[in-house]
Protein backbone atom coordinates (compact mmCIF):
# COMPACT_ATOMS: atom_id res chain seq x y z
CA MET A 1 -11.54 15.34 -5.86
CA LYS A 2 -12.72 16.37 -2.40
CA GLN A 3 -15.24 13.90 -1.09
CA ASN A 4 -16.33 12.49 2.21
CA MET A 5 -14.25 9.33 2.45
CA LYS A 6 -16.03 8.00 5.53
CA GLN A 7 -19.19 8.15 3.47
CA TRP A 8 -17.37 6.48 0.55
CA VAL A 9 -16.38 3.56 2.81
CA ALA A 10 -19.96 3.29 4.09
CA ASP A 11 -21.30 3.37 0.53
CA VAL A 12 -18.91 0.61 -0.57
CA ILE A 13 -20.14 -1.57 2.29
CA ARG A 14 -23.81 -0.79 1.73
CA GLN A 15 -24.04 -1.40 -2.01
CA LYS A 16 -24.91 -4.81 -3.40
CA ASN A 17 -22.06 -5.14 -5.91
CA VAL A 18 -18.51 -6.01 -4.89
CA LEU A 19 -15.99 -3.35 -5.95
CA ALA A 20 -12.37 -3.84 -6.96
CA VAL A 21 -9.26 -1.78 -6.20
CA PRO A 22 -6.22 -3.68 -7.47
CA ILE A 23 -2.87 -2.14 -6.58
CA MET A 24 -1.30 -1.60 -9.97
CA THR A 25 0.70 1.09 -11.71
CA HIS A 26 3.29 -0.89 -13.67
CA PRO A 27 0.83 -1.90 -16.42
CA GLY A 28 0.17 1.81 -16.97
CA ILE A 29 3.90 2.52 -17.19
CA GLU A 30 4.22 -0.14 -19.89
CA MET A 31 1.09 1.02 -21.73
CA ASN A 32 2.74 4.42 -22.10
CA GLY A 33 6.03 2.94 -23.33
CA GLN A 34 7.91 4.18 -20.28
CA THR A 35 10.39 2.53 -17.92
CA VAL A 36 10.08 1.91 -14.20
CA ARG A 37 13.19 4.05 -13.67
CA ARG A 38 11.53 7.07 -15.30
CA ALA A 39 8.17 6.56 -13.62
CA VAL A 40 9.65 6.45 -10.11
CA SER A 41 11.80 9.50 -10.80
CA ASP A 42 9.55 11.80 -12.86
CA GLY A 43 6.25 12.87 -11.34
CA ARG A 44 4.62 13.53 -14.71
CA VAL A 45 5.53 10.09 -16.11
CA HIS A 46 4.18 8.57 -12.88
CA TYR A 47 0.94 10.57 -13.19
CA GLU A 48 0.51 9.58 -16.83
CA ALA A 49 0.75 5.89 -15.89
CA VAL A 50 -1.96 6.34 -13.25
CA MET A 51 -4.16 8.10 -15.80
CA ALA A 52 -3.68 5.38 -18.42
CA LEU A 53 -5.01 2.78 -16.01
CA THR A 54 -7.80 5.00 -14.69
CA GLU A 55 -9.08 5.52 -18.22
CA ARG A 56 -8.86 1.83 -19.14
CA TYR A 57 -10.07 -0.12 -16.10
CA PRO A 58 -13.14 0.25 -13.83
CA SER A 59 -11.24 0.22 -10.57
CA ALA A 60 -13.23 1.82 -7.74
CA ALA A 61 -10.18 3.94 -6.87
CA ALA A 62 -6.93 4.98 -8.53
CA CYS A 63 -3.59 4.13 -6.89
CA THR A 64 -0.18 5.68 -7.31
CA ILE A 65 3.00 3.60 -7.25
CA MET A 66 3.72 1.42 -4.22
CA ASP A 67 7.43 2.21 -3.84
CA LEU A 68 9.07 0.98 -0.64
CA THR A 69 12.30 2.91 -1.26
CA THR A 70 11.14 6.54 -1.50
CA GLU A 71 11.22 7.33 2.21
CA ALA A 72 14.44 5.37 2.81
CA GLU A 73 16.12 7.37 0.05
CA ALA A 74 14.96 10.61 1.68
CA PHE A 75 16.81 9.54 4.86
CA GLY A 76 19.95 8.96 2.77
CA ALA A 77 19.83 5.28 1.79
CA ASP A 78 21.34 4.24 -1.53
CA ILE A 79 18.80 2.98 -4.06
CA ALA A 80 19.36 0.63 -6.99
CA PHE A 81 17.22 1.52 -10.03
CA SER A 82 16.28 -0.56 -13.05
CA ASP A 83 14.32 0.07 -16.24
CA ASP A 84 12.05 -2.93 -15.69
CA ALA A 85 12.12 -3.78 -11.97
CA VAL A 86 11.01 -1.99 -8.82
CA PRO A 87 13.71 0.04 -7.00
CA ALA A 88 15.52 -1.60 -4.09
CA VAL A 89 17.49 -0.30 -1.13
CA SER A 90 21.17 -1.00 -1.71
CA GLY A 91 23.41 -1.50 1.30
CA ARG A 92 22.72 -0.29 4.80
CA LEU A 93 22.38 3.32 5.96
CA LEU A 94 22.57 2.70 9.71
CA PRO A 95 25.47 0.42 10.73
CA ASP A 96 25.07 0.58 14.52
CA VAL A 97 23.11 1.88 17.49
CA GLU A 98 25.01 5.17 17.60
CA SER A 99 24.04 5.94 14.00
CA ILE A 100 20.38 5.67 15.00
CA ARG A 101 20.90 8.26 17.70
CA GLN A 102 22.56 10.59 15.18
CA LEU A 103 19.89 10.10 12.49
CA GLN A 104 18.06 13.25 11.44
CA VAL A 105 14.49 13.34 10.13
CA PRO A 106 14.76 14.67 6.55
CA SER A 107 12.75 17.41 4.88
CA LEU A 108 10.14 16.78 2.21
CA SER A 109 12.53 18.15 -0.41
CA ALA A 110 14.84 15.13 0.00
CA GLY A 111 15.30 12.47 -2.66
CA ARG A 112 12.31 11.71 -4.89
CA ILE A 113 9.66 12.90 -2.41
CA PRO A 114 8.92 16.00 -4.55
CA ALA A 115 8.39 13.78 -7.63
CA TYR A 116 5.83 11.67 -5.75
CA LEU A 117 4.04 14.72 -4.42
CA LYS A 118 3.90 16.07 -7.98
CA ALA A 119 2.41 12.81 -9.33
CA ASN A 120 -0.31 12.87 -6.69
CA LEU A 121 -1.03 16.56 -7.23
CA LEU A 122 -1.45 16.09 -10.99
CA ALA A 123 -3.56 12.95 -10.59
CA ALA A 124 -5.78 14.46 -7.88
CA LYS A 125 -6.57 17.42 -10.15
CA GLU A 126 -7.45 15.19 -13.09
CA ILE A 127 -9.30 12.26 -11.50
CA GLN A 128 -12.82 13.32 -10.59
CA ASP A 129 -14.85 10.11 -10.85
CA ARG A 130 -13.19 8.02 -8.11
CA PRO A 131 -10.88 8.42 -5.10
CA LEU A 132 -7.10 8.61 -5.49
CA PHE A 133 -4.95 6.68 -3.04
CA ALA A 134 -1.34 7.72 -2.59
CA GLY A 135 1.30 5.34 -1.27
CA CYS A 136 3.77 5.34 1.60
CA ILE A 137 5.78 2.85 3.62
CA GLY A 138 4.98 1.88 7.21
CA PRO A 139 7.25 2.76 10.17
CA PHE A 140 8.64 -0.72 10.93
CA SER A 141 9.24 -1.53 7.26
CA LEU A 142 11.10 1.78 6.84
CA ALA A 143 13.19 1.15 9.96
CA GLY A 144 14.13 -2.28 8.60
CA ARG A 145 15.27 -0.78 5.32
CA LEU A 146 17.47 1.71 7.14
CA TYR A 147 18.98 -0.63 9.74
CA ASP A 148 18.77 -4.00 7.88
CA MET A 149 15.73 -6.21 8.22
CA SER A 150 17.47 -9.10 9.97
CA ASP A 151 19.32 -6.88 12.40
CA ILE A 152 16.28 -4.85 13.39
CA MET A 153 14.63 -8.07 14.55
CA VAL A 154 17.60 -8.52 16.89
CA LEU A 155 17.53 -4.84 17.89
CA ILE A 156 13.93 -4.94 19.12
CA TYR A 157 14.88 -7.68 21.61
CA GLU A 158 18.38 -6.55 22.63
CA HIS A 159 17.87 -2.76 22.59
CA PRO A 160 14.13 -2.07 22.44
CA GLU A 161 14.59 1.53 23.57
CA VAL A 162 16.85 2.21 20.57
CA ALA A 163 14.38 0.51 18.25
CA HIS A 164 11.66 2.79 19.58
CA GLU A 165 13.90 5.81 18.97
CA LEU A 166 14.37 4.76 15.33
CA LEU A 167 10.67 4.02 14.91
CA GLY A 168 9.82 7.42 16.34
CA LYS A 169 11.98 9.16 13.75
CA CYS A 170 10.53 7.05 10.93
CA THR A 171 7.03 7.83 12.15
CA ASP A 172 7.72 11.56 12.33
CA PHE A 173 8.78 11.58 8.68
CA ILE A 174 5.96 9.36 7.41
CA GLU A 175 3.42 11.50 9.25
CA LYS A 176 4.86 14.64 7.68
CA TYR A 177 4.85 12.98 4.24
CA CYS A 178 1.23 11.81 4.65
CA MET A 179 0.17 15.33 5.57
CA ALA A 180 1.81 16.59 2.37
CA LEU A 181 0.13 13.83 0.32
CA LYS A 182 -3.17 14.88 1.85
CA GLU A 183 -2.54 18.47 0.77
CA THR A 184 -2.09 17.35 -2.86
CA GLY A 185 -5.77 16.41 -2.91
CA ALA A 186 -5.31 12.65 -2.61
CA ASN A 187 -8.21 10.96 -0.81
CA GLY A 188 -6.16 8.51 1.20
CA VAL A 189 -2.90 6.64 1.50
CA MET A 190 -2.05 2.96 1.11
CA MET A 191 0.53 2.38 3.84
CA ALA A 192 2.70 -0.65 3.08
CA GLU A 193 3.91 -2.32 6.29
CA PRO A 194 4.84 -5.84 5.14
CA ALA A 195 7.78 -6.27 7.53
CA ALA A 196 5.38 -6.10 10.48
CA GLY A 197 4.16 -9.52 9.38
CA LEU A 198 7.50 -10.97 10.52
CA MET A 199 6.51 -10.37 14.15
CA SER A 200 4.03 -11.90 16.56
CA ASN A 201 0.77 -10.09 17.16
CA ASP A 202 2.10 -8.60 20.43
CA ASP A 203 5.36 -7.41 18.87
CA CYS A 204 3.48 -6.10 15.85
CA SER A 205 1.36 -4.03 18.24
CA THR A 206 4.43 -2.73 20.08
CA PHE A 207 6.80 -2.04 17.21
CA SER A 208 4.42 -1.26 14.35
CA SER A 209 0.78 -0.68 15.16
CA GLN A 210 1.21 1.89 17.90
CA TYR A 211 3.26 3.99 15.47
CA VAL A 212 0.83 3.46 12.59
CA LYS A 213 -1.97 4.53 14.95
CA ARG A 214 -0.11 7.76 15.70
CA ILE A 215 -0.15 8.54 11.97
CA VAL A 216 -3.78 7.44 11.55
CA ASP A 217 -4.87 9.65 14.45
CA ARG A 218 -3.12 12.63 12.86
CA VAL A 219 -4.05 12.31 9.19
CA GLN A 220 -7.28 10.31 8.90
CA ASP A 221 -10.50 12.32 8.82
CA ASP A 222 -13.63 12.77 6.72
CA SER A 223 -11.60 13.65 3.62
CA PHE A 224 -8.63 11.28 3.94
CA ILE A 225 -8.35 7.62 4.95
CA VAL A 226 -5.48 5.25 5.72
CA ILE A 227 -5.45 1.78 4.14
CA LEU A 228 -3.00 -0.42 6.05
CA HIS A 229 -1.35 -3.04 3.83
CA ASN A 230 0.53 -5.96 5.37
CA CYS A 231 1.24 -8.76 2.91
CA GLY A 232 3.53 -10.40 5.49
CA ASN A 233 0.54 -11.18 7.69
CA THR A 234 -0.56 -14.81 7.45
CA GLY A 235 -3.46 -14.10 9.78
CA HIS A 236 -1.43 -14.08 12.99
CA CYS A 237 -1.28 -10.29 13.44
CA THR A 238 -4.59 -9.07 12.05
CA LYS A 239 -5.74 -7.98 15.51
CA ALA A 240 -2.65 -5.76 15.79
CA MET A 241 -3.37 -4.27 12.37
CA VAL A 242 -6.96 -3.48 13.34
CA SER A 243 -5.83 -1.76 16.57
CA THR A 244 -4.49 1.10 14.43
CA GLY A 245 -7.97 2.38 13.65
CA ALA A 246 -7.33 2.58 9.92
CA ALA A 247 -10.39 2.83 7.68
CA ALA A 248 -9.33 -0.15 5.56
CA TYR A 249 -6.99 -3.14 5.73
CA HIS A 250 -5.26 -4.69 2.73
CA PHE A 251 -4.14 -8.33 2.89
CA GLY A 252 -1.63 -10.36 0.90
CA ASN A 253 -2.07 -13.76 -0.65
CA LYS A 254 -0.34 -15.57 2.25
CA CYS A 255 -3.51 -15.42 4.31
CA ARG A 256 -7.07 -16.67 3.87
CA MET A 257 -9.36 -13.71 3.33
CA GLU A 258 -12.37 -15.58 4.68
CA GLU A 259 -10.51 -15.98 7.98
CA VAL A 260 -8.74 -12.64 8.44
CA ILE A 261 -11.87 -10.63 7.62
CA ARG A 262 -13.47 -11.98 10.79
CA ASP A 263 -11.07 -9.79 12.78
CA VAL A 264 -11.87 -6.68 10.74
CA PRO A 265 -14.66 -4.44 12.06
CA PRO A 266 -17.72 -4.54 9.77
CA THR A 267 -17.45 -0.75 9.37
CA ALA A 268 -13.92 -1.02 7.91
CA LEU A 269 -12.96 -2.34 4.48
CA ALA A 270 -11.02 -5.60 4.05
CA MET A 271 -9.18 -5.70 0.73
CA GLY A 272 -7.32 -8.49 -1.08
CA ASN A 273 -5.88 -10.86 -2.05
CA ILE A 274 -5.30 -12.34 -5.55
CA ASP A 275 -1.65 -13.41 -5.91
CA PRO A 276 0.15 -10.64 -7.85
CA VAL A 277 2.85 -12.96 -9.21
CA SER A 278 1.49 -16.47 -9.73
CA VAL A 279 -1.94 -15.27 -10.91
CA PHE A 280 -1.70 -11.68 -12.18
CA LYS A 281 1.75 -11.94 -13.78
CA ASP A 282 2.35 -15.62 -14.51
CA GLY A 283 -1.13 -17.12 -14.65
CA MET A 284 -3.51 -17.59 -17.56
CA PRO A 285 -6.81 -15.69 -17.96
CA PHE A 286 -8.87 -18.81 -17.18
CA GLN A 287 -6.90 -19.23 -13.95
CA MET A 288 -7.54 -15.60 -13.03
CA ARG A 289 -11.26 -15.95 -13.64
CA GLN A 290 -11.46 -19.12 -11.55
CA THR A 291 -9.35 -17.68 -8.71
CA VAL A 292 -11.40 -14.48 -8.55
CA THR A 293 -14.69 -16.37 -8.69
CA ASP A 294 -13.63 -18.75 -5.91
CA LEU A 295 -12.57 -15.86 -3.69
CA LEU A 296 -15.76 -13.90 -4.32
CA GLU A 297 -17.86 -16.92 -3.39
CA LYS A 298 -15.97 -17.30 -0.11
CA MET A 299 -16.40 -13.58 0.65
CA ARG A 300 -20.10 -13.44 -0.19
CA PRO A 301 -21.14 -13.15 3.51
CA TYR A 302 -18.95 -10.05 4.03
CA PRO A 303 -20.27 -6.77 2.56
CA ASN A 304 -17.09 -4.92 3.62
CA PHE A 305 -14.91 -6.99 1.27
CA VAL A 306 -13.17 -5.23 -1.66
CA LEU A 307 -11.52 -7.35 -4.33
CA SER A 308 -7.85 -6.53 -4.90
CA SER A 309 -4.45 -7.91 -5.72
CA GLY A 310 -2.51 -9.29 -2.76
CA CYS A 311 0.20 -6.66 -3.29
CA ASP A 312 1.43 -4.39 -6.07
CA THR A 313 1.14 -6.07 -9.46
CA PRO A 314 4.70 -6.39 -10.79
CA PRO A 315 6.17 -5.20 -14.09
CA HIS A 316 5.16 -7.29 -17.13
CA THR A 317 1.76 -8.21 -15.71
CA SER A 318 -0.47 -9.53 -18.49
CA ALA A 319 -3.19 -7.18 -19.75
CA ALA A 320 -5.30 -10.24 -20.53
CA ASN A 321 -5.13 -11.29 -16.89
CA ILE A 322 -6.15 -7.81 -15.70
CA SER A 323 -9.13 -7.92 -18.06
CA ALA A 324 -10.03 -11.41 -16.80
CA PHE A 325 -9.90 -10.08 -13.22
CA PHE A 326 -12.55 -7.44 -13.96
CA GLU A 327 -14.59 -9.77 -16.19
CA ALA A 328 -14.88 -12.34 -13.41
CA LEU A 329 -15.99 -9.62 -11.00
CA ASN A 330 -18.62 -8.36 -13.47
CA ASP A 331 -19.95 -11.88 -13.99
CA PHE A 332 -20.23 -12.40 -10.22
CA ASN A 333 -22.01 -9.09 -9.70
CA ARG A 334 -24.57 -9.92 -12.38
CA LEU A 335 -25.73 -13.02 -10.53
């Protein structure tokens, strides 16, 4: 659905009620009796999971799968798949500095990119009552999956120029992918950059945010927004996140929302941060209701707050807990 997303953000901030946009697709996969392996490989199965959740829950926006392996696979990384767990990068694509120099930016026909574009195209055509947010990985997180996360931390200090070369290639591909996601009709993209939370604010600015900003400057406009997700941020690199100019920022459960939101411009959305594992997956409904209520009370002074999970809700998340999440929000909004 084509809509003015800058206006949507402004409307979310202006209205009295708090809205919710949990990041979840796995419950929809399970509702349809499908496996994670099929959903991340078949665009139609992926789309059907998104639709199942859109029809069942009053989320203010629909989200496609947060898969942090899709872009790495397109570059040539080996991926380990499972029926009931998220995919994972297996092994290491880039063994040394020379391999970075030889690395080629792939086309959008590589790996499972076409399946993800198909899922977004189908969902964008069908979903007319709320925005659809696609998913992609952030530049530093992608570079870490290609070069090894521990070793890239060494690389940025020992060979920063080579790190920048790798980040440039990652950024070129993510930008191209985001442009294609935009063309499917999606209204925005949730960019997952959790590895940037491993760095200081200054290093996050240098090795992540300046590259994210390049993508934001290219793809974000009236019809398409970037939501920057960094669940590795404990509050120490929020300023670097905000320097990207994204329309919204999504925080994980390692930080205190009432503190990090102070660094977010009042014209941008701050989203988060109910623990996806200990509360959504492993908690009890009464715990969910209490956790959501406590967070909403803390965030009452901030009209740009959007309730969400702290990250993607994992496979086998309890439907009762998801219902309790929305029930607690409804109870709060009625007060």
